[in-house]
Amino acid sequence: MRRRAFLLVSGAGALLSQMLRPFQARSAQLPTAPQVEDSSVLTALARPVDVASLAQFNKTGQLLIRSSPLGPVLVIRDRATQQLKAVNPTCPHRGCLVAWNGSTENFVCPCHQARFNARGRWIGGKAVNRPLTSYTVTVSQGRILVGKA
């Protein structure tokens, strides 16, 4: 290899490594999933979680709980079955929080207009064909209990 070619290749490599430095720093800052060591935490998540009262839900016909042991939870009433449904409202495409549209009976993502039915299944829009995470819902003594499906 000639001296000029060597200097050109090594200079381009040094420049490229400097350009990638911000991406390397960002990847080191990305959060990692917490390691769950305590089996009581896993057992607690296996049981339904009390997220709200039925009275709170009845005020608006839907209820968004931004922070729960399961993560964000959106509870709605399916007009066809009159049953409560719960999903994780985080869109699988870009992570935006979907909103329930009662008139069209589906969840709509404000970021790219993806639509999901009351069960959380993708029915159209620009999102990837992945459903929202669904939860089981029970009502006991006026409280809404949500659990893993």
N, C-alpha and C. Protein backbone atom coordinates (compact mmCIF):
# COMPACT_ATOMS: atom_id res chain seq x y z
N MET A 1 0.86 -1.17 0.00
CA MET A 1 0.00 0.00 0.00
C MET A 1 0.91 1.24 0.00
N ARG A 2 0.56 2.18 -0.81
CA ARG A 2 1.32 3.41 -0.88
C ARG A 2 1.01 4.29 0.32
N ARG A 3 1.95 5.18 0.57
CA ARG A 3 1.81 6.08 1.71
C ARG A 3 0.56 6.94 1.59
N ARG A 4 0.29 7.49 0.44
CA ARG A 4 -0.86 8.36 0.23
C ARG A 4 -2.17 7.60 0.46
N ALA A 5 -2.29 6.37 -0.04
CA ALA A 5 -3.49 5.55 0.15
C ALA A 5 -3.67 5.21 1.63
N PHE A 6 -2.55 4.88 2.29
CA PHE A 6 -2.61 4.57 3.72
C PHE A 6 -3.13 5.76 4.52
N LEU A 7 -2.61 6.94 4.27
CA LEU A 7 -3.05 8.14 4.99
C LEU A 7 -4.51 8.46 4.70
N LEU A 8 -4.94 8.26 3.47
CA LEU A 8 -6.33 8.50 3.10
C LEU A 8 -7.28 7.54 3.84
N VAL A 9 -6.95 6.26 3.85
CA VAL A 9 -7.79 5.26 4.51
C VAL A 9 -7.79 5.47 6.02
N SER A 10 -6.63 5.70 6.63
CA SER A 10 -6.59 5.89 8.08
C SER A 10 -7.28 7.19 8.48
N GLY A 11 -7.16 8.23 7.69
CA GLY A 11 -7.85 9.49 7.98
C GLY A 11 -9.36 9.33 7.89
N ALA A 12 -9.84 8.59 6.88
CA ALA A 12 -11.28 8.35 6.73
C ALA A 12 -11.79 7.52 7.90
N GLY A 13 -10.99 6.54 8.34
CA GLY A 13 -11.39 5.71 9.50
C GLY A 13 -11.48 6.54 10.77
N ALA A 14 -10.52 7.44 10.98
CA ALA A 14 -10.55 8.30 12.16
C ALA A 14 -11.76 9.23 12.12
N LEU A 15 -12.04 9.78 10.96
CA LEU A 15 -13.20 10.66 10.81
C LEU A 15 -14.50 9.92 11.08
N LEU A 16 -14.61 8.71 10.54
CA LEU A 16 -15.81 7.91 10.75
C LEU A 16 -15.99 7.56 12.23
N SER A 17 -14.90 7.22 12.91
CA SER A 17 -15.03 6.87 14.33
C SER A 17 -15.48 8.09 15.14
N GLN A 18 -15.05 9.28 14.78
CA GLN A 18 -15.50 10.49 15.48
C GLN A 18 -16.97 10.79 15.19
N MET A 19 -17.42 10.48 13.98
CA MET A 19 -18.82 10.71 13.64
C MET A 19 -19.74 9.75 14.38
N LEU A 20 -19.29 8.55 14.68
CA LEU A 20 -20.11 7.56 15.36
C LEU A 20 -20.10 7.72 16.88
N ARG A 21 -19.23 8.56 17.41
CA ARG A 21 -19.11 8.73 18.87
C ARG A 21 -20.44 9.13 19.53
N PRO A 22 -21.25 10.06 19.00
CA PRO A 22 -22.53 10.39 19.67
C PRO A 22 -23.46 9.19 19.75
N PHE A 23 -23.45 8.32 18.75
CA PHE A 23 -24.32 7.15 18.78
C PHE A 23 -23.84 6.14 19.82
N GLN A 24 -22.52 6.03 19.99
CA GLN A 24 -21.98 5.13 21.00
C GLN A 24 -22.34 5.63 22.39
N ALA A 25 -22.27 6.93 22.61
CA ALA A 25 -22.62 7.48 23.92
C ALA A 25 -24.10 7.30 24.20
N ARG A 26 -24.93 7.47 23.19
CA ARG A 26 -26.39 7.31 23.38
C ARG A 26 -26.74 5.87 23.72
N SER A 27 -26.11 4.90 23.05
CA SER A 27 -26.45 3.51 23.32
C SER A 27 -26.05 3.10 24.73
N ALA A 28 -25.04 3.73 25.29
CA ALA A 28 -24.64 3.42 26.66
C ALA A 28 -25.65 3.96 27.66
N GLN A 29 -26.45 4.98 27.27
CA GLN A 29 -27.42 5.58 28.17
C GLN A 29 -28.79 4.94 28.10
N LEU A 30 -29.03 4.06 27.15
CA LEU A 30 -30.34 3.46 26.99
C LEU A 30 -30.68 2.62 28.21
N PRO A 31 -31.93 2.72 28.70
CA PRO A 31 -32.29 1.95 29.89
C PRO A 31 -32.36 0.46 29.58
N THR A 32 -32.02 -0.30 30.56
CA THR A 32 -32.13 -1.75 30.43
C THR A 32 -33.25 -2.22 31.31
N ALA A 33 -33.80 -3.37 30.98
CA ALA A 33 -34.89 -3.93 31.78
C ALA A 33 -34.37 -4.29 33.16
N PRO A 34 -35.11 -3.93 34.20
CA PRO A 34 -34.65 -4.26 35.54
C PRO A 34 -34.69 -5.76 35.77
N GLN A 35 -33.73 -6.24 36.50
CA GLN A 35 -33.67 -7.65 36.83
C GLN A 35 -34.53 -7.90 38.07
N VAL A 36 -35.51 -8.75 37.94
CA VAL A 36 -36.39 -9.06 39.06
C VAL A 36 -35.85 -10.30 39.75
N GLU A 37 -35.41 -10.12 40.98
CA GLU A 37 -34.84 -11.23 41.73
C GLU A 37 -35.85 -11.78 42.73
N ASP A 38 -36.76 -10.93 43.19
CA ASP A 38 -37.69 -11.33 44.23
C ASP A 38 -38.89 -12.04 43.62
N SER A 39 -39.12 -13.28 44.01
CA SER A 39 -40.23 -14.05 43.44
C SER A 39 -41.57 -13.50 43.89
N SER A 40 -41.61 -12.75 45.01
CA SER A 40 -42.89 -12.18 45.46
C SER A 40 -43.38 -11.12 44.49
N VAL A 41 -42.46 -10.40 43.81
CA VAL A 41 -42.85 -9.41 42.81
C VAL A 41 -43.49 -10.11 41.63
N LEU A 42 -42.88 -11.21 41.18
CA LEU A 42 -43.45 -11.96 40.06
C LEU A 42 -44.80 -12.54 40.43
N THR A 43 -44.95 -13.02 41.65
CA THR A 43 -46.23 -13.56 42.10
C THR A 43 -47.28 -12.46 42.16
N ALA A 44 -46.88 -11.27 42.62
CA ALA A 44 -47.83 -10.16 42.71
C ALA A 44 -48.33 -9.75 41.33
N LEU A 45 -47.45 -9.78 40.32
CA LEU A 45 -47.87 -9.42 38.97
C LEU A 45 -48.73 -10.50 38.34
N ALA A 46 -48.66 -11.72 38.85
CA ALA A 46 -49.50 -12.80 38.32
C ALA A 46 -50.95 -12.60 38.75
N ARG A 47 -51.15 -11.92 39.88
CA ARG A 47 -52.51 -11.63 40.36
C ARG A 47 -53.01 -10.33 39.75
N PRO A 48 -54.33 -10.18 39.62
CA PRO A 48 -54.86 -8.91 39.09
C PRO A 48 -54.49 -7.73 39.99
N VAL A 49 -54.31 -6.57 39.37
CA VAL A 49 -53.92 -5.36 40.06
C VAL A 49 -55.12 -4.42 40.13
N ASP A 50 -55.36 -3.84 41.30
CA ASP A 50 -56.43 -2.86 41.49
C ASP A 50 -55.96 -1.55 40.87
N VAL A 51 -56.65 -1.09 39.81
CA VAL A 51 -56.21 0.13 39.12
C VAL A 51 -57.10 1.34 39.39
N ALA A 52 -58.39 1.14 39.68
CA ALA A 52 -59.28 2.28 39.89
C ALA A 52 -60.63 1.80 40.39
N SER A 53 -61.46 2.77 40.77
CA SER A 53 -62.82 2.42 41.18
C SER A 53 -63.74 2.47 39.96
N LEU A 54 -64.81 1.73 40.03
CA LEU A 54 -65.80 1.72 38.96
C LEU A 54 -66.45 3.10 38.84
N ALA A 55 -66.58 3.81 39.96
CA ALA A 55 -67.16 5.16 39.94
C ALA A 55 -66.29 6.11 39.12
N GLN A 56 -64.97 6.00 39.24
CA GLN A 56 -64.07 6.84 38.45
C GLN A 56 -64.26 6.55 36.96
N PHE A 57 -64.36 5.27 36.63
CA PHE A 57 -64.54 4.87 35.23
C PHE A 57 -65.86 5.40 34.68
N ASN A 58 -66.93 5.30 35.46
CA ASN A 58 -68.26 5.69 34.99
C ASN A 58 -68.38 7.19 34.72
N LYS A 59 -67.51 8.00 35.27
CA LYS A 59 -67.56 9.45 35.02
C LYS A 59 -67.31 9.78 33.56
N THR A 60 -66.37 9.08 32.91
CA THR A 60 -65.99 9.41 31.54
C THR A 60 -66.20 8.26 30.55
N GLY A 61 -66.40 7.05 31.04
CA GLY A 61 -66.57 5.91 30.15
C GLY A 61 -65.26 5.31 29.68
N GLN A 62 -64.17 5.88 30.12
CA GLN A 62 -62.85 5.32 29.86
C GLN A 62 -61.91 5.84 30.94
N LEU A 63 -60.82 5.13 31.14
CA LEU A 63 -59.92 5.52 32.21
C LEU A 63 -58.49 5.18 31.81
N LEU A 64 -57.61 6.17 31.86
CA LEU A 64 -56.20 5.96 31.57
C LEU A 64 -55.42 6.02 32.87
N ILE A 65 -54.74 4.92 33.18
CA ILE A 65 -53.87 4.86 34.34
C ILE A 65 -52.46 4.86 33.78
N ARG A 66 -51.74 5.94 33.96
CA ARG A 66 -50.41 6.08 33.37
C ARG A 66 -49.35 5.25 34.08
N SER A 67 -49.56 5.01 35.38
CA SER A 67 -48.56 4.28 36.14
C SER A 67 -49.23 3.21 36.99
N SER A 68 -48.93 1.97 36.69
CA SER A 68 -49.42 0.84 37.48
C SER A 68 -48.33 -0.23 37.47
N PRO A 69 -48.44 -1.24 38.30
CA PRO A 69 -47.43 -2.31 38.26
C PRO A 69 -47.34 -2.99 36.89
N LEU A 70 -48.39 -2.89 36.09
CA LEU A 70 -48.38 -3.49 34.75
C LEU A 70 -47.87 -2.51 33.69
N GLY A 71 -47.67 -1.25 34.06
CA GLY A 71 -47.33 -0.21 33.11
C GLY A 71 -48.59 0.60 32.84
N PRO A 72 -48.63 1.40 31.76
CA PRO A 72 -49.84 2.16 31.47
C PRO A 72 -51.00 1.23 31.10
N VAL A 73 -52.20 1.60 31.57
CA VAL A 73 -53.40 0.80 31.30
C VAL A 73 -54.52 1.74 30.88
N LEU A 74 -55.22 1.39 29.80
CA LEU A 74 -56.39 2.14 29.35
C LEU A 74 -57.59 1.19 29.41
N VAL A 75 -58.59 1.57 30.22
CA VAL A 75 -59.79 0.75 30.40
C VAL A 75 -60.93 1.41 29.65
N ILE A 76 -61.65 0.62 28.85
CA ILE A 76 -62.79 1.12 28.08
C ILE A 76 -63.94 0.12 28.22
N ARG A 77 -65.12 0.53 27.75
CA ARG A 77 -66.26 -0.40 27.70
C ARG A 77 -66.56 -0.69 26.24
N ASP A 78 -66.53 -1.97 25.89
CA ASP A 78 -66.86 -2.40 24.53
C ASP A 78 -68.38 -2.30 24.39
N ARG A 79 -68.83 -1.42 23.51
CA ARG A 79 -70.27 -1.19 23.36
C ARG A 79 -71.01 -2.44 22.90
N ALA A 80 -70.39 -3.26 22.09
CA ALA A 80 -71.05 -4.46 21.56
C ALA A 80 -71.32 -5.50 22.65
N THR A 81 -70.35 -5.68 23.54
CA THR A 81 -70.50 -6.72 24.58
C THR A 81 -70.82 -6.14 25.95
N GLN A 82 -70.70 -4.82 26.11
CA GLN A 82 -70.89 -4.14 27.38
C GLN A 82 -69.89 -4.59 28.45
N GLN A 83 -68.80 -5.19 28.03
CA GLN A 83 -67.77 -5.62 28.96
C GLN A 83 -66.63 -4.60 29.00
N LEU A 84 -65.96 -4.53 30.15
CA LEU A 84 -64.79 -3.69 30.26
C LEU A 84 -63.61 -4.39 29.59
N LYS A 85 -62.83 -3.62 28.87
CA LYS A 85 -61.63 -4.11 28.20
C LYS A 85 -60.48 -3.24 28.67
N ALA A 86 -59.29 -3.82 28.75
CA ALA A 86 -58.11 -3.06 29.14
C ALA A 86 -56.94 -3.43 28.23
N VAL A 87 -56.18 -2.41 27.85
CA VAL A 87 -55.00 -2.61 27.02
C VAL A 87 -53.88 -1.73 27.55
N ASN A 88 -52.67 -2.08 27.15
CA ASN A 88 -51.56 -1.17 27.35
C ASN A 88 -51.65 -0.20 26.17
N PRO A 89 -51.86 1.11 26.41
CA PRO A 89 -52.11 2.04 25.31
C PRO A 89 -50.86 2.48 24.55
N THR A 90 -49.74 1.84 24.78
CA THR A 90 -48.52 2.20 24.08
C THR A 90 -48.51 1.57 22.70
N CYS A 91 -48.50 2.40 21.67
CA CYS A 91 -48.52 1.90 20.29
C CYS A 91 -47.24 1.11 20.02
N PRO A 92 -47.35 -0.07 19.41
CA PRO A 92 -46.17 -0.89 19.15
C PRO A 92 -45.26 -0.32 18.06
N HIS A 93 -45.70 0.73 17.36
CA HIS A 93 -44.90 1.29 16.28
C HIS A 93 -43.87 2.30 16.79
N ARG A 94 -44.36 3.36 17.43
CA ARG A 94 -43.45 4.41 17.89
C ARG A 94 -43.56 4.71 19.38
N GLY A 95 -44.44 4.03 20.09
CA GLY A 95 -44.54 4.23 21.53
C GLY A 95 -45.45 5.36 21.96
N CYS A 96 -46.22 5.94 21.05
CA CYS A 96 -47.17 6.98 21.42
C CYS A 96 -48.34 6.34 22.17
N LEU A 97 -49.02 7.11 23.01
CA LEU A 97 -50.19 6.60 23.72
C LEU A 97 -51.42 6.73 22.84
N VAL A 98 -52.07 5.61 22.58
CA VAL A 98 -53.28 5.63 21.76
C VAL A 98 -54.44 6.17 22.60
N ALA A 99 -55.47 6.65 21.91
CA ALA A 99 -56.67 7.16 22.58
C ALA A 99 -57.88 6.36 22.10
N TRP A 100 -58.87 6.19 22.97
CA TRP A 100 -60.09 5.48 22.61
C TRP A 100 -61.05 6.44 21.95
N ASN A 101 -61.55 6.07 20.77
CA ASN A 101 -62.55 6.86 20.06
C ASN A 101 -63.86 6.09 20.18
N GLY A 102 -64.76 6.55 21.05
CA GLY A 102 -66.01 5.85 21.31
C GLY A 102 -66.95 5.82 20.12
N SER A 103 -66.89 6.84 19.26
CA SER A 103 -67.82 6.87 18.12
C SER A 103 -67.43 5.83 17.05
N THR A 104 -66.15 5.60 16.86
CA THR A 104 -65.72 4.60 15.88
C THR A 104 -65.40 3.26 16.52
N GLU A 105 -65.43 3.22 17.86
CA GLU A 105 -65.16 1.99 18.60
C GLU A 105 -63.78 1.41 18.31
N ASN A 106 -62.75 2.29 18.28
CA ASN A 106 -61.40 1.78 18.15
C ASN A 106 -60.40 2.73 18.79
N PHE A 107 -59.21 2.20 19.02
CA PHE A 107 -58.10 2.99 19.54
C PHE A 107 -57.40 3.62 18.34
N VAL A 108 -57.00 4.88 18.49
CA VAL A 108 -56.32 5.59 17.41
C VAL A 108 -55.01 6.17 17.95
N CYS A 109 -53.94 5.94 17.20
CA CYS A 109 -52.64 6.49 17.57
C CYS A 109 -52.53 7.91 17.02
N PRO A 110 -52.23 8.89 17.87
CA PRO A 110 -52.14 10.27 17.38
C PRO A 110 -50.89 10.53 16.54
N CYS A 111 -49.89 9.67 16.61
CA CYS A 111 -48.65 9.89 15.87
C CYS A 111 -48.76 9.56 14.39
N HIS A 112 -49.50 8.50 14.06
CA HIS A 112 -49.55 8.09 12.66
C HIS A 112 -50.89 7.48 12.26
N GLN A 113 -51.92 7.69 13.09
CA GLN A 113 -53.29 7.29 12.78
C GLN A 113 -53.50 5.79 12.64
N ALA A 114 -52.67 4.98 13.29
CA ALA A 114 -52.92 3.54 13.32
C ALA A 114 -54.17 3.30 14.13
N ARG A 115 -54.93 2.28 13.77
CA ARG A 115 -56.18 1.96 14.47
C ARG A 115 -56.15 0.53 14.99
N PHE A 116 -56.73 0.35 16.17
CA PHE A 116 -56.81 -0.95 16.82
C PHE A 116 -58.24 -1.14 17.31
N ASN A 117 -58.76 -2.37 17.24
CA ASN A 117 -60.14 -2.59 17.70
C ASN A 117 -60.18 -2.66 19.23
N ALA A 118 -61.35 -2.92 19.79
CA ALA A 118 -61.53 -2.92 21.25
C ALA A 118 -60.70 -4.00 21.94
N ARG A 119 -60.33 -5.04 21.21
CA ARG A 119 -59.48 -6.09 21.78
C ARG A 119 -57.99 -5.76 21.67
N GLY A 120 -57.67 -4.66 20.98
CA GLY A 120 -56.28 -4.25 20.81
C GLY A 120 -55.65 -4.75 19.53
N ARG A 121 -56.42 -5.41 18.67
CA ARG A 121 -55.87 -5.92 17.41
C ARG A 121 -55.75 -4.79 16.39
N TRP A 122 -54.64 -4.80 15.65
CA TRP A 122 -54.39 -3.79 14.62
C TRP A 122 -55.40 -3.96 13.50
N ILE A 123 -56.05 -2.85 13.08
CA ILE A 123 -57.03 -2.93 12.00
C ILE A 123 -56.71 -1.99 10.84
N GLY A 124 -55.66 -1.20 10.96
CA GLY A 124 -55.29 -0.33 9.85
C GLY A 124 -54.40 0.81 10.28
N GLY A 125 -53.86 1.50 9.28
CA GLY A 125 -52.98 2.63 9.55
C GLY A 125 -51.54 2.28 9.25
N LYS A 126 -50.66 3.22 9.56
CA LYS A 126 -49.26 3.08 9.20
C LYS A 126 -48.44 2.25 10.17
N ALA A 127 -49.00 1.82 11.25
CA ALA A 127 -48.23 1.04 12.23
C ALA A 127 -47.95 -0.36 11.71
N VAL A 128 -47.03 -1.00 12.36
CA VAL A 128 -46.75 -2.39 12.03
C VAL A 128 -47.95 -3.22 12.48
N ASN A 129 -48.11 -4.35 11.88
CA ASN A 129 -49.25 -5.21 12.17
C ASN A 129 -49.01 -5.99 13.47
N ARG A 130 -49.01 -5.26 14.58
CA ARG A 130 -48.85 -5.87 15.90
C ARG A 130 -49.95 -5.34 16.80
N PRO A 131 -50.50 -6.17 17.67
CA PRO A 131 -51.58 -5.71 18.54
C PRO A 131 -51.06 -4.97 19.77
N LEU A 132 -51.98 -4.27 20.41
CA LEU A 132 -51.70 -3.70 21.72
C LEU A 132 -51.74 -4.85 22.73
N THR A 133 -51.02 -4.74 23.81
CA THR A 133 -51.06 -5.75 24.86
C THR A 133 -52.41 -5.67 25.56
N SER A 134 -53.13 -6.78 25.61
CA SER A 134 -54.45 -6.82 26.26
C SER A 134 -54.33 -7.40 27.66
N TYR A 135 -55.24 -6.96 28.53
CA TYR A 135 -55.28 -7.45 29.90
C TYR A 135 -56.67 -8.01 30.20
N THR A 136 -56.74 -8.87 31.20
CA THR A 136 -58.05 -9.34 31.68
C THR A 136 -58.59 -8.30 32.65
N VAL A 137 -59.92 -8.15 32.66
CA VAL A 137 -60.55 -7.17 33.54
C VAL A 137 -61.64 -7.86 34.34
N THR A 138 -61.64 -7.62 35.65
CA THR A 138 -62.73 -8.07 36.51
C THR A 138 -63.11 -6.91 37.41
N VAL A 139 -64.36 -6.92 37.84
CA VAL A 139 -64.84 -5.91 38.78
C VAL A 139 -65.23 -6.63 40.06
N SER A 140 -64.67 -6.16 41.17
CA SER A 140 -64.95 -6.78 42.45
C SER A 140 -65.12 -5.68 43.50
N GLN A 141 -66.26 -5.66 44.15
CA GLN A 141 -66.57 -4.72 45.21
C GLN A 141 -66.34 -3.26 44.75
N GLY A 142 -66.78 -2.96 43.53
CA GLY A 142 -66.69 -1.61 43.00
C GLY A 142 -65.30 -1.20 42.54
N ARG A 143 -64.36 -2.13 42.47
CA ARG A 143 -62.99 -1.84 42.04
C ARG A 143 -62.70 -2.57 40.73
N ILE A 144 -61.93 -1.94 39.85
CA ILE A 144 -61.53 -2.54 38.59
C ILE A 144 -60.18 -3.21 38.80
N LEU A 145 -60.14 -4.52 38.52
CA LEU A 145 -58.92 -5.30 38.67
C LEU A 145 -58.44 -5.72 37.28
N VAL A 146 -57.17 -5.45 36.99
CA VAL A 146 -56.59 -5.75 35.68
C VAL A 146 -55.42 -6.70 35.88
N GLY A 147 -55.36 -7.73 35.02
CA GLY A 147 -54.28 -8.71 35.12
C GLY A 147 -53.76 -9.12 33.77
N LYS A 148 -52.63 -9.79 33.80
CA LYS A 148 -52.06 -10.32 32.55
C LYS A 148 -53.01 -11.31 31.92
N ALA A 149 -53.12 -11.25 30.60
CA ALA A 149 -54.01 -12.16 29.87
C ALA A 149 -53.44 -13.54 29.78
